[in-house]
């Protein structure tokens, strides 16, 4: 492990599935843009990174993939995806994700956020903020339980470079939030990024091919995305998410609103049809002790 990585206590690897563009979805009949956008990632302790790599490599080997090959969810068949998801379901990390149904975002505006955020990256920045609010709280509570003093360099964030992502696109936004946090002037008080464990300069961008943590995060967001019904995806599959649920994070004993965040928050009223049923099924999954407690039974190969 290199020295630059060892100074951090936790790493959040972030990837996305779907696209974050809202303009292309203004027409209900348009199926060129995804109906959903998923932003999520895995949090790993620095000391657990070798085990995370081993889990990913073991899953790839069991799936029959050549050693050292870059692993991408979308390039694999169903059985290989399921094998690797089952292996990651026993991994040394916790995952978080924010799920946005973009149709219900069309009338939503946050003028304060837009004023310091690149317009084309508004949704990405907003969802990354929601993600960091929960991840920084998780890291702070972990430190408190271990009676360890928190430090602003505890958490580094590594974003997947999916093309066109630049640090200035979100740097001003999170720097402004940092200033508001320390001055007590944060506009939205319901959720706060805990900057006692995180400093905005500790956000980095890498291609998936260079970070195995990003390849693992790809399986998280892709599994979530694959379970969501939409015009461009006629056969959603939930079994990948079921395999990964043992590693989903919780706060205050709850997964919904913590490890899994649905946007808009009033999804029970604003969604309908297949979209509503898919989120209801998520609620059933997170309430299942069988799926949310790590067990060696998940280590069996899928048939």
C-alpha atoms as a PDB file:
ATOM      1  CA  UNK A   1       0.000   0.000   0.000  1.00  0.00           C
ATOM      2  CA  UNK A   2       1.483   3.367  -0.951  1.00  0.00           C
ATOM      3  CA  UNK A   3       2.152   6.037   1.671  1.00  0.00           C
ATOM      4  CA  UNK A   4      -0.241   8.565   0.127  1.00  0.00           C
ATOM      5  CA  UNK A   5      -3.166   6.179   0.658  1.00  0.00           C
ATOM      6  CA  UNK A   6      -2.124   5.165   4.177  1.00  0.00           C
ATOM      7  CA  UNK A   7      -2.662   8.654   5.607  1.00  0.00           C
ATOM      8  CA  UNK A   8      -6.415   8.200   5.115  1.00  0.00           C
ATOM      9  CA  UNK A   9      -8.491   6.044   7.450  1.00  0.00           C
ATOM     10  CA  UNK A  10     -11.364   5.457   5.009  1.00  0.00           C
ATOM     11  CA  UNK A  11     -11.843   5.600   1.257  1.00  0.00           C
ATOM     12  CA  UNK A  12     -15.174   6.172  -0.469  1.00  0.00           C
ATOM     13  CA  UNK A  13     -15.156   4.872  -4.041  1.00  0.00           C
ATOM     14  CA  UNK A  14     -17.988   6.443  -6.057  1.00  0.00           C
ATOM     15  CA  UNK A  15     -19.493   5.349  -9.352  1.00  0.00           C
ATOM     16  CA  UNK A  16     -22.710   6.054 -11.232  1.00  0.00           C
ATOM     17  CA  UNK A  17     -25.270   4.254 -13.374  1.00  0.00           C
ATOM     18  CA  UNK A  18     -27.691   5.879 -15.785  1.00  0.00           C
ATOM     19  CA  UNK A  19     -27.080   9.481 -16.785  1.00  0.00           C
ATOM     20  CA  UNK A  20     -27.512  12.663 -14.786  1.00  0.00           C
ATOM     21  CA  UNK A  21     -28.987  14.742 -17.597  1.00  0.00           C
ATOM     22  CA  UNK A  22     -32.447  16.200 -16.943  1.00  0.00           C
ATOM     23  CA  UNK A  23     -33.025  18.184 -20.132  1.00  0.00           C
ATOM     24  CA  UNK A  24     -33.236  15.104 -22.376  1.00  0.00           C
ATOM     25  CA  UNK A  25     -36.000  13.703 -20.187  1.00  0.00           C
ATOM     26  CA  UNK A  26     -38.383  16.626 -20.524  1.00  0.00           C
ATOM     27  CA  UNK A  27     -40.493  14.599 -22.983  1.00  0.00           C
ATOM     28  CA  UNK A  28     -42.276  11.623 -21.419  1.00  0.00           C
ATOM     29  CA  UNK A  29     -42.001   9.729 -24.703  1.00  0.00           C
ATOM     30  CA  UNK A  30     -38.231  10.092 -24.855  1.00  0.00           C
ATOM     31  CA  UNK A  31     -36.389   6.857 -24.151  1.00  0.00           C
ATOM     32  CA  UNK A  32     -32.895   8.072 -25.091  1.00  0.00           C
ATOM     33  CA  UNK A  33     -32.180   9.244 -21.567  1.00  0.00           C
ATOM     34  CA  UNK A  34     -32.373   6.967 -18.533  1.00  0.00           C
ATOM     35  CA  UNK A  35     -35.409   7.310 -16.264  1.00  0.00           C
ATOM     36  CA  UNK A  36     -33.212   6.726 -13.214  1.00  0.00           C
ATOM     37  CA  UNK A  37     -29.841   8.002 -12.087  1.00  0.00           C
ATOM     38  CA  UNK A  38     -27.934   6.080  -9.404  1.00  0.00           C
ATOM     39  CA  UNK A  39     -24.907   7.485  -7.586  1.00  0.00           C
ATOM     40  CA  UNK A  40     -23.304   5.318  -4.976  1.00  0.00           C
ATOM     41  CA  UNK A  41     -20.175   3.797  -3.624  1.00  0.00           C
ATOM     42  CA  UNK A  42     -18.382   1.666  -1.107  1.00  0.00           C
ATOM     43  CA  UNK A  43     -16.582   2.759   2.052  1.00  0.00           C
ATOM     44  CA  UNK A  44     -13.543   0.724   2.982  1.00  0.00           C
ATOM     45  CA  UNK A  45     -11.089   1.125   5.827  1.00  0.00           C
ATOM     46  CA  UNK A  46      -7.519   1.484   4.615  1.00  0.00           C
ATOM     47  CA  UNK A  47      -6.583  -1.603   6.620  1.00  0.00           C
ATOM     48  CA  UNK A  48      -9.275  -3.617   4.794  1.00  0.00           C
ATOM     49  CA  UNK A  49      -8.251  -2.687   1.251  1.00  0.00           C
ATOM     50  CA  UNK A  50      -6.168  -5.863   0.674  1.00  0.00           C
ATOM     51  CA  UNK A  51      -9.186  -7.986   1.658  1.00  0.00           C
ATOM     52  CA  UNK A  52     -11.431  -5.986  -0.675  1.00  0.00           C
ATOM     53  CA  UNK A  53      -9.016  -6.661  -3.530  1.00  0.00           C
ATOM     54  CA  UNK A  54      -8.930 -10.351  -2.635  1.00  0.00           C
ATOM     55  CA  UNK A  55     -12.738 -10.562  -2.673  1.00  0.00           C
ATOM     56  CA  UNK A  56     -12.929  -8.950  -6.084  1.00  0.00           C
ATOM     57  CA  UNK A  57     -10.190 -11.193  -7.475  1.00  0.00           C
ATOM     58  CA  UNK A  58     -11.771 -14.310  -5.940  1.00  0.00           C
ATOM     59  CA  UNK A  59     -15.120 -13.411  -7.474  1.00  0.00           C
ATOM     60  CA  UNK A  60     -13.498 -12.841 -10.855  1.00  0.00           C
ATOM     61  CA  UNK A  61     -11.654 -16.165 -10.629  1.00  0.00           C
ATOM     62  CA  UNK A  62     -14.824 -18.039  -9.713  1.00  0.00           C
ATOM     63  CA  UNK A  63     -16.535 -16.373 -12.649  1.00  0.00           C
ATOM     64  CA  UNK A  64     -13.802 -17.656 -14.937  1.00  0.00           C
ATOM     65  CA  UNK A  65     -12.269 -14.272 -15.744  1.00  0.00           C
ATOM     66  CA  UNK A  66      -8.533 -13.972 -16.481  1.00  0.00           C
ATOM     67  CA  UNK A  67      -6.446 -12.715 -13.558  1.00  0.00           C
ATOM     68  CA  UNK A  68      -5.696  -8.991 -13.752  1.00  0.00           C
ATOM     69  CA  UNK A  69      -8.486  -8.214 -16.171  1.00  0.00           C
ATOM     70  CA  UNK A  70     -10.484  -5.006 -15.622  1.00  0.00           C
ATOM     71  CA  UNK A  71     -13.901  -6.034 -14.325  1.00  0.00           C
ATOM     72  CA  UNK A  72     -16.999  -4.230 -15.599  1.00  0.00           C
ATOM     73  CA  UNK A  73     -20.533  -5.253 -14.643  1.00  0.00           C
ATOM     74  CA  UNK A  74     -22.041  -4.395 -18.041  1.00  0.00           C
ATOM     75  CA  UNK A  75     -19.638  -6.629 -19.959  1.00  0.00           C
ATOM     76  CA  UNK A  76     -20.523  -9.822 -18.069  1.00  0.00           C
ATOM     77  CA  UNK A  77     -23.328 -12.314 -18.523  1.00  0.00           C
ATOM     78  CA  UNK A  78     -25.917 -12.933 -15.822  1.00  0.00           C
ATOM     79  CA  UNK A  79     -24.110 -15.828 -14.127  1.00  0.00           C
ATOM     80  CA  UNK A  80     -20.773 -14.012 -13.902  1.00  0.00           C
ATOM     81  CA  UNK A  81     -22.468 -10.902 -12.504  1.00  0.00           C
ATOM     82  CA  UNK A  82     -24.253 -12.982  -9.875  1.00  0.00           C
ATOM     83  CA  UNK A  83     -21.062 -14.789  -8.815  1.00  0.00           C
ATOM     84  CA  UNK A  84     -19.124 -11.567  -8.280  1.00  0.00           C
ATOM     85  CA  UNK A  85     -22.052  -9.882  -6.486  1.00  0.00           C
ATOM     86  CA  UNK A  86     -22.284 -12.858  -4.110  1.00  0.00           C
ATOM     87  CA  UNK A  87     -18.574 -12.602  -3.367  1.00  0.00           C
ATOM     88  CA  UNK A  88     -18.726  -8.849  -2.797  1.00  0.00           C
ATOM     89  CA  UNK A  89     -21.687  -9.465  -0.476  1.00  0.00           C
ATOM     90  CA  UNK A  90     -19.126 -10.817   1.989  1.00  0.00           C
ATOM     91  CA  UNK A  91     -16.592  -8.045   1.455  1.00  0.00           C
ATOM     92  CA  UNK A  92     -15.034  -5.754   4.101  1.00  0.00           C
ATOM     93  CA  UNK A  93     -16.920  -2.594   3.251  1.00  0.00           C
ATOM     94  CA  UNK A  94     -20.271  -0.826   3.508  1.00  0.00           C
ATOM     95  CA  UNK A  95     -22.113   0.613   0.553  1.00  0.00           C
ATOM     96  CA  UNK A  96     -24.362   3.620   0.121  1.00  0.00           C
ATOM     97  CA  UNK A  97     -26.418   4.751  -2.848  1.00  0.00           C
ATOM     98  CA  UNK A  98     -28.753   7.566  -3.836  1.00  0.00           C
ATOM     99  CA  UNK A  99     -31.445   6.739  -6.394  1.00  0.00           C
ATOM    100  CA  UNK A 100     -33.151   9.521  -8.340  1.00  0.00           C
ATOM    101  CA  UNK A 101     -36.253   9.103 -10.489  1.00  0.00           C
ATOM    102  CA  UNK A 102     -35.488  11.902 -12.925  1.00  0.00           C
ATOM    103  CA  UNK A 103     -39.052  12.544 -14.069  1.00  0.00           C
ATOM    104  CA  UNK A 104     -39.838  13.803 -10.586  1.00  0.00           C
ATOM    105  CA  UNK A 105     -36.781  16.075 -10.618  1.00  0.00           C
ATOM    106  CA  UNK A 106     -37.955  18.150 -13.571  1.00  0.00           C
ATOM    107  CA  UNK A 107     -39.819  20.684 -11.435  1.00  0.00           C
ATOM    108  CA  UNK A 108     -37.251  20.632  -8.638  1.00  0.00           C
ATOM    109  CA  UNK A 109     -34.825  23.529  -8.341  1.00  0.00           C
ATOM    110  CA  UNK A 110     -32.309  24.558  -5.722  1.00  0.00           C
ATOM    111  CA  UNK A 111     -31.217  28.057  -6.710  1.00  0.00           C
ATOM    112  CA  UNK A 112     -28.548  28.278  -3.993  1.00  0.00           C
ATOM    113  CA  UNK A 113     -26.936  25.033  -5.118  1.00  0.00           C
ATOM    114  CA  UNK A 114     -27.120  26.031  -8.784  1.00  0.00           C
ATOM    115  CA  UNK A 115     -25.401  29.341  -8.058  1.00  0.00           C
ATOM    116  CA  UNK A 116     -22.196  27.549  -6.976  1.00  0.00           C
ATOM    117  CA  UNK A 117     -22.542  24.380  -9.037  1.00  0.00           C
ATOM    118  CA  UNK A 118     -21.963  23.889 -12.737  1.00  0.00           C
ATOM    119  CA  UNK A 119     -25.426  23.735 -14.237  1.00  0.00           C
ATOM    120  CA  UNK A 120     -24.841  20.550 -16.199  1.00  0.00           C
ATOM    121  CA  UNK A 121     -23.621  18.808 -13.024  1.00  0.00           C
ATOM    122  CA  UNK A 122     -26.306  20.040 -10.651  1.00  0.00           C
ATOM    123  CA  UNK A 123     -27.948  16.632 -10.152  1.00  0.00           C
ATOM    124  CA  UNK A 124     -24.590  14.877  -9.755  1.00  0.00           C
ATOM    125  CA  UNK A 125     -23.408  17.423  -7.169  1.00  0.00           C
ATOM    126  CA  UNK A 126     -26.656  17.298  -5.238  1.00  0.00           C
ATOM    127  CA  UNK A 127     -26.638  13.497  -5.057  1.00  0.00           C
ATOM    128  CA  UNK A 128     -22.955  13.436  -4.131  1.00  0.00           C
ATOM    129  CA  UNK A 129     -23.815  15.789  -1.291  1.00  0.00           C
ATOM    130  CA  UNK A 130     -26.562  13.432  -0.068  1.00  0.00           C
ATOM    131  CA  UNK A 131     -24.077  10.567  -0.280  1.00  0.00           C
ATOM    132  CA  UNK A 132     -21.389  12.421   1.654  1.00  0.00           C
ATOM    133  CA  UNK A 133     -23.813  13.494   4.370  1.00  0.00           C
ATOM    134  CA  UNK A 134     -24.381   9.833   5.196  1.00  0.00           C
ATOM    135  CA  UNK A 135     -20.870   8.550   4.604  1.00  0.00           C
ATOM    136  CA  UNK A 136     -19.204  11.213   6.768  1.00  0.00           C
ATOM    137  CA  UNK A 137     -21.682  10.496   9.556  1.00  0.00           C
ATOM    138  CA  UNK A 138     -20.904   6.790   9.256  1.00  0.00           C
ATOM    139  CA  UNK A 139     -17.147   7.465   9.493  1.00  0.00           C
ATOM    140  CA  UNK A 140     -17.564   9.836  12.439  1.00  0.00           C
ATOM    141  CA  UNK A 141     -19.725   7.342  14.342  1.00  0.00           C
ATOM    142  CA  UNK A 142     -17.214   4.597  13.600  1.00  0.00           C
ATOM    143  CA  UNK A 143     -14.460   6.732  15.114  1.00  0.00           C
ATOM    144  CA  UNK A 144     -16.601   7.479  18.160  1.00  0.00           C
ATOM    145  CA  UNK A 145     -17.393   3.800  18.753  1.00  0.00           C
ATOM    146  CA  UNK A 146     -13.683   3.008  18.573  1.00  0.00           C
ATOM    147  CA  UNK A 147     -12.814   5.974  20.839  1.00  0.00           C
ATOM    148  CA  UNK A 148     -10.604   7.371  18.088  1.00  0.00           C
ATOM    149  CA  UNK A 149     -10.227  11.088  17.509  1.00  0.00           C
ATOM    150  CA  UNK A 150     -11.581  12.236  14.159  1.00  0.00           C
ATOM    151  CA  UNK A 151      -9.398  14.104  11.680  1.00  0.00           C
ATOM    152  CA  UNK A 152     -10.240  16.061   8.538  1.00  0.00           C
ATOM    153  CA  UNK A 153      -8.007  13.706   6.551  1.00  0.00           C
ATOM    154  CA  UNK A 154      -9.842  10.562   7.696  1.00  0.00           C
ATOM    155  CA  UNK A 155     -11.838  10.209   4.476  1.00  0.00           C
ATOM    156  CA  UNK A 156     -10.743  10.469   0.884  1.00  0.00           C
ATOM    157  CA  UNK A 157     -13.251  10.301  -1.959  1.00  0.00           C
ATOM    158  CA  UNK A 158     -12.379   8.762  -5.306  1.00  0.00           C
ATOM    159  CA  UNK A 159     -14.825   9.417  -8.142  1.00  0.00           C
ATOM    160  CA  UNK A 160     -15.056   7.315 -11.263  1.00  0.00           C
ATOM    161  CA  UNK A 161     -14.135   9.262 -14.367  1.00  0.00           C
ATOM    162  CA  UNK A 162     -16.983   8.437 -16.727  1.00  0.00           C
ATOM    163  CA  UNK A 163     -15.960  11.174 -19.136  1.00  0.00           C
ATOM    164  CA  UNK A 164     -16.259  14.934 -18.742  1.00  0.00           C
ATOM    165  CA  UNK A 165     -16.049  14.955 -14.930  1.00  0.00           C
ATOM    166  CA  UNK A 166     -13.726  17.711 -13.743  1.00  0.00           C
ATOM    167  CA  UNK A 167     -12.849  18.787 -10.228  1.00  0.00           C
ATOM    168  CA  UNK A 168     -13.923  22.433 -10.834  1.00  0.00           C
ATOM    169  CA  UNK A 169     -17.427  21.098 -11.621  1.00  0.00           C
ATOM    170  CA  UNK A 170     -17.974  20.337  -7.946  1.00  0.00           C
ATOM    171  CA  UNK A 171     -15.022  21.960  -6.133  1.00  0.00           C
ATOM    172  CA  UNK A 172     -16.694  25.341  -5.631  1.00  0.00           C
ATOM    173  CA  UNK A 173     -19.897  23.699  -4.410  1.00  0.00           C
ATOM    174  CA  UNK A 174     -18.283  21.585  -1.688  1.00  0.00           C
ATOM    175  CA  UNK A 175     -15.909  24.349  -0.662  1.00  0.00           C
ATOM    176  CA  UNK A 176     -18.948  26.593  -0.117  1.00  0.00           C
ATOM    177  CA  UNK A 177     -20.570  23.859   1.992  1.00  0.00           C
ATOM    178  CA  UNK A 178     -17.337  23.593   4.015  1.00  0.00           C
ATOM    179  CA  UNK A 179     -17.446  27.339   4.723  1.00  0.00           C
ATOM    180  CA  UNK A 180     -21.135  27.182   5.686  1.00  0.00           C
ATOM    181  CA  UNK A 181     -20.492  24.201   7.982  1.00  0.00           C
ATOM    182  CA  UNK A 182     -17.788  26.010   9.935  1.00  0.00           C
ATOM    183  CA  UNK A 183     -19.737  29.275  10.081  1.00  0.00           C
ATOM    184  CA  UNK A 184     -23.039  27.627  11.015  1.00  0.00           C
ATOM    185  CA  UNK A 185     -24.824  29.046   7.969  1.00  0.00           C
ATOM    186  CA  UNK A 186     -25.670  25.848   6.071  1.00  0.00           C
ATOM    187  CA  UNK A 187     -28.866  26.468   4.082  1.00  0.00           C
ATOM    188  CA  UNK A 188     -30.372  22.988   4.547  1.00  0.00           C
ATOM    189  CA  UNK A 189     -30.058  21.883   8.155  1.00  0.00           C
ATOM    190  CA  UNK A 190     -31.722  18.473   7.920  1.00  0.00           C
ATOM    191  CA  UNK A 191     -28.548  16.795   6.683  1.00  0.00           C
ATOM    192  CA  UNK A 192     -24.965  18.003   6.966  1.00  0.00           C
ATOM    193  CA  UNK A 193     -21.670  16.755   5.623  1.00  0.00           C
ATOM    194  CA  UNK A 194     -19.479  16.210   8.682  1.00  0.00           C
ATOM    195  CA  UNK A 195     -16.327  18.078   7.758  1.00  0.00           C
ATOM    196  CA  UNK A 196     -14.594  16.909  10.941  1.00  0.00           C
ATOM    197  CA  UNK A 197     -13.683  13.737   8.986  1.00  0.00           C
ATOM    198  CA  UNK A 198     -13.528  15.122   5.453  1.00  0.00           C
ATOM    199  CA  UNK A 199     -11.829  17.962   3.602  1.00  0.00           C
ATOM    200  CA  UNK A 200     -12.996  18.911   0.046  1.00  0.00           C
ATOM    201  CA  UNK A 201      -9.453  18.815  -1.440  1.00  0.00           C
ATOM    202  CA  UNK A 202      -9.451  15.081  -0.653  1.00  0.00           C
ATOM    203  CA  UNK A 203     -11.702  14.391  -3.655  1.00  0.00           C
ATOM    204  CA  UNK A 204      -9.954  12.728  -6.582  1.00  0.00           C
ATOM    205  CA  UNK A 205     -10.963  11.445 -10.022  1.00  0.00           C
ATOM    206  CA  UNK A 206      -9.614   8.227 -11.550  1.00  0.00           C
ATOM    207  CA  UNK A 207     -10.561   5.905 -14.397  1.00  0.00           C
ATOM    208  CA  UNK A 208     -12.205   2.666 -13.227  1.00  0.00           C
ATOM    209  CA  UNK A 209      -9.339   0.704 -14.740  1.00  0.00           C
ATOM    210  CA  UNK A 210      -6.892   2.181 -12.220  1.00  0.00           C
ATOM    211  CA  UNK A 211      -8.800   1.481  -8.984  1.00  0.00           C
ATOM    212  CA  UNK A 212     -10.228  -1.898  -7.958  1.00  0.00           C
ATOM    213  CA  UNK A 213     -12.392  -0.031  -5.440  1.00  0.00           C
ATOM    214  CA  UNK A 214     -14.091   1.763  -8.331  1.00  0.00           C
ATOM    215  CA  UNK A 215     -14.636  -1.562 -10.095  1.00  0.00           C
ATOM    216  CA  UNK A 216     -16.315  -2.836  -6.914  1.00  0.00           C
ATOM    217  CA  UNK A 217     -18.448   0.312  -6.702  1.00  0.00           C
ATOM    218  CA  UNK A 218     -19.479  -0.283 -10.315  1.00  0.00           C
ATOM    219  CA  UNK A 219     -21.135  -3.539  -9.213  1.00  0.00           C
ATOM    220  CA  UNK A 220     -23.074  -1.741  -6.481  1.00  0.00           C
ATOM    221  CA  UNK A 221     -24.571   1.013  -8.628  1.00  0.00           C
ATOM    222  CA  UNK A 222     -25.071  -1.263 -11.630  1.00  0.00           C
ATOM    223  CA  UNK A 223     -26.878  -3.859  -9.507  1.00  0.00           C
ATOM    224  CA  UNK A 224     -29.204  -1.144  -8.191  1.00  0.00           C
ATOM    225  CA  UNK A 225     -29.764   0.295 -11.658  1.00  0.00           C
ATOM    226  CA  UNK A 226     -30.409  -3.141 -13.160  1.00  0.00           C
ATOM    227  CA  UNK A 227     -33.263  -3.665 -10.668  1.00  0.00           C
ATOM    228  CA  UNK A 228     -35.155  -0.514 -11.736  1.00  0.00           C
ATOM    229  CA  UNK A 229     -37.847  -0.751 -14.443  1.00  0.00           C
ATOM    230  CA  UNK A 230     -37.738   1.676 -17.381  1.00  0.00           C
ATOM    231  CA  UNK A 231     -38.366   1.778 -21.101  1.00  0.00           C
ATOM    232  CA  UNK A 232     -34.760   1.061 -21.979  1.00  0.00           C
ATOM    233  CA  UNK A 233     -34.659  -1.883 -19.545  1.00  0.00           C
ATOM    234  CA  UNK A 234     -37.594  -4.237 -19.992  1.00  0.00           C
ATOM    235  CA  UNK A 235     -36.345  -7.076 -17.763  1.00  0.00           C
ATOM    236  CA  UNK A 236     -35.088  -5.684 -14.453  1.00  0.00           C
ATOM    237  CA  UNK A 237     -33.326  -8.118 -12.112  1.00  0.00           C
ATOM    238  CA  UNK A 238     -33.348  -7.825  -8.325  1.00  0.00           C
ATOM    239  CA  UNK A 239     -31.125 -10.797  -7.429  1.00  0.00           C
ATOM    240  CA  UNK A 240     -27.890  -8.814  -7.732  1.00  0.00           C
ATOM    241  CA  UNK A 241     -29.090  -6.359  -5.087  1.00  0.00           C
ATOM    242  CA  UNK A 242     -30.223  -9.215  -2.843  1.00  0.00           C
ATOM    243  CA  UNK A 243     -26.711 -10.680  -2.954  1.00  0.00           C
ATOM    244  CA  UNK A 244     -25.136  -7.348  -2.001  1.00  0.00           C
ATOM    245  CA  UNK A 245     -27.562  -6.363   0.781  1.00  0.00           C
ATOM    246  CA  UNK A 246     -25.433  -7.812   3.628  1.00  0.00           C
ATOM    247  CA  UNK A 247     -22.958  -4.972   3.079  1.00  0.00           C
ATOM    248  CA  UNK A 248     -25.489  -2.132   2.815  1.00  0.00           C
ATOM    249  CA  UNK A 249     -24.886   0.553   5.441  1.00  0.00           C
ATOM    250  CA  UNK A 250     -27.345   1.565   8.126  1.00  0.00           C
ATOM    251  CA  UNK A 251     -27.604   4.545  10.468  1.00  0.00           C
ATOM    252  CA  UNK A 252     -29.722   4.518  13.620  1.00  0.00           C
ATOM    253  CA  UNK A 253     -30.582   0.919  12.747  1.00  0.00           C
ATOM    254  CA  UNK A 254     -32.211   1.965   9.471  1.00  0.00           C
ATOM    255  CA  UNK A 255     -31.169   1.271   5.895  1.00  0.00           C
ATOM    256  CA  UNK A 256     -33.758   3.385   4.070  1.00  0.00           C
ATOM    257  CA  UNK A 257     -32.612   6.982   4.224  1.00  0.00           C
ATOM    258  CA  UNK A 258     -29.078   5.834   5.064  1.00  0.00           C
ATOM    259  CA  UNK A 259     -27.532   3.111   2.917  1.00  0.00           C
ATOM    260  CA  UNK A 260     -30.308   3.554   0.356  1.00  0.00           C
ATOM    261  CA  UNK A 261     -31.722   7.014  -0.317  1.00  0.00           C
ATOM    262  CA  UNK A 262     -34.648   7.484  -2.706  1.00  0.00           C
ATOM    263  CA  UNK A 263     -35.195  10.822  -4.372  1.00  0.00           C
ATOM    264  CA  UNK A 264     -37.752  12.349  -4.349  1.00  0.00           C
ATOM    265  CA  UNK A 265     -38.278  11.631  -0.629  1.00  0.00           C
ATOM    266  CA  UNK A 266     -42.074  11.401  -1.097  1.00  0.00           C
ATOM    267  CA  UNK A 267     -41.633   8.483  -3.518  1.00  0.00           C
ATOM    268  CA  UNK A 268     -44.672   6.666  -2.114  1.00  0.00           C
ATOM    269  CA  UNK A 269     -46.854   9.508  -3.447  1.00  0.00           C
ATOM    270  CA  UNK A 270     -44.940  10.625  -6.525  1.00  0.00           C
ATOM    271  CA  UNK A 271     -44.154   7.228  -8.063  1.00  0.00           C
ATOM    272  CA  UNK A 272     -46.654   4.842  -9.596  1.00  0.00           C
ATOM    273  CA  UNK A 273     -46.858   1.566 -11.474  1.00  0.00           C
ATOM    274  CA  UNK A 274     -43.675  -0.479 -11.901  1.00  0.00           C
ATOM    275  CA  UNK A 275     -41.503   2.321 -10.523  1.00  0.00           C
ATOM    276  CA  UNK A 276     -43.449   2.386  -7.257  1.00  0.00           C
ATOM    277  CA  UNK A 277     -43.491  -1.408  -6.955  1.00  0.00           C
ATOM    278  CA  UNK A 278     -39.730  -1.611  -7.461  1.00  0.00           C
ATOM    279  CA  UNK A 279     -39.071   0.813  -4.585  1.00  0.00           C
ATOM    280  CA  UNK A 280     -41.599  -0.993  -2.391  1.00  0.00           C
ATOM    281  CA  UNK A 281     -39.656  -4.180  -3.008  1.00  0.00           C
ATOM    282  CA  UNK A 282     -36.487  -2.408  -1.853  1.00  0.00           C
ATOM    283  CA  UNK A 283     -38.352  -1.658   1.371  1.00  0.00           C
ATOM    284  CA  UNK A 284     -39.148  -5.351   1.751  1.00  0.00           C
ATOM    285  CA  UNK A 285     -35.527  -6.314   1.152  1.00  0.00           C
ATOM    286  CA  UNK A 286     -34.132  -3.950   3.772  1.00  0.00           C
ATOM    287  CA  UNK A 287     -36.592  -5.332   6.309  1.00  0.00           C
ATOM    288  CA  UNK A 288     -35.380  -8.911   5.739  1.00  0.00           C
ATOM    289  CA  UNK A 289     -32.919 -10.197   8.370  1.00  0.00           C
ATOM    290  CA  UNK A 290     -32.030 -13.027   5.978  1.00  0.00           C
ATOM    291  CA  UNK A 291     -30.719 -10.577   3.413  1.00  0.00           C
ATOM    292  CA  UNK A 292     -29.257  -7.928   5.688  1.00  0.00           C
ATOM    293  CA  UNK A 293     -27.087 -10.082   7.962  1.00  0.00           C
ATOM    294  CA  UNK A 294     -23.829 -11.414   6.487  1.00  0.00           C
ATOM    295  CA  UNK A 295     -23.842 -15.193   6.249  1.00  0.00           C
ATOM    296  CA  UNK A 296     -21.606 -17.773   4.667  1.00  0.00           C
ATOM    297  CA  UNK A 297     -24.707 -19.170   2.930  1.00  0.00           C
ATOM    298  CA  UNK A 298     -24.282 -16.363   0.406  1.00  0.00           C
ATOM    299  CA  UNK A 299     -20.884 -17.811  -0.446  1.00  0.00           C
ATOM    300  CA  UNK A 300     -22.458 -20.590  -2.494  1.00  0.00           C
ATOM    301  CA  UNK A 301     -22.211 -20.313  -6.241  1.00  0.00           C
ATOM    302  CA  UNK A 302     -25.495 -19.447  -7.952  1.00  0.00           C
ATOM    303  CA  UNK A 303     -26.930 -22.249 -10.035  1.00  0.00           C
END
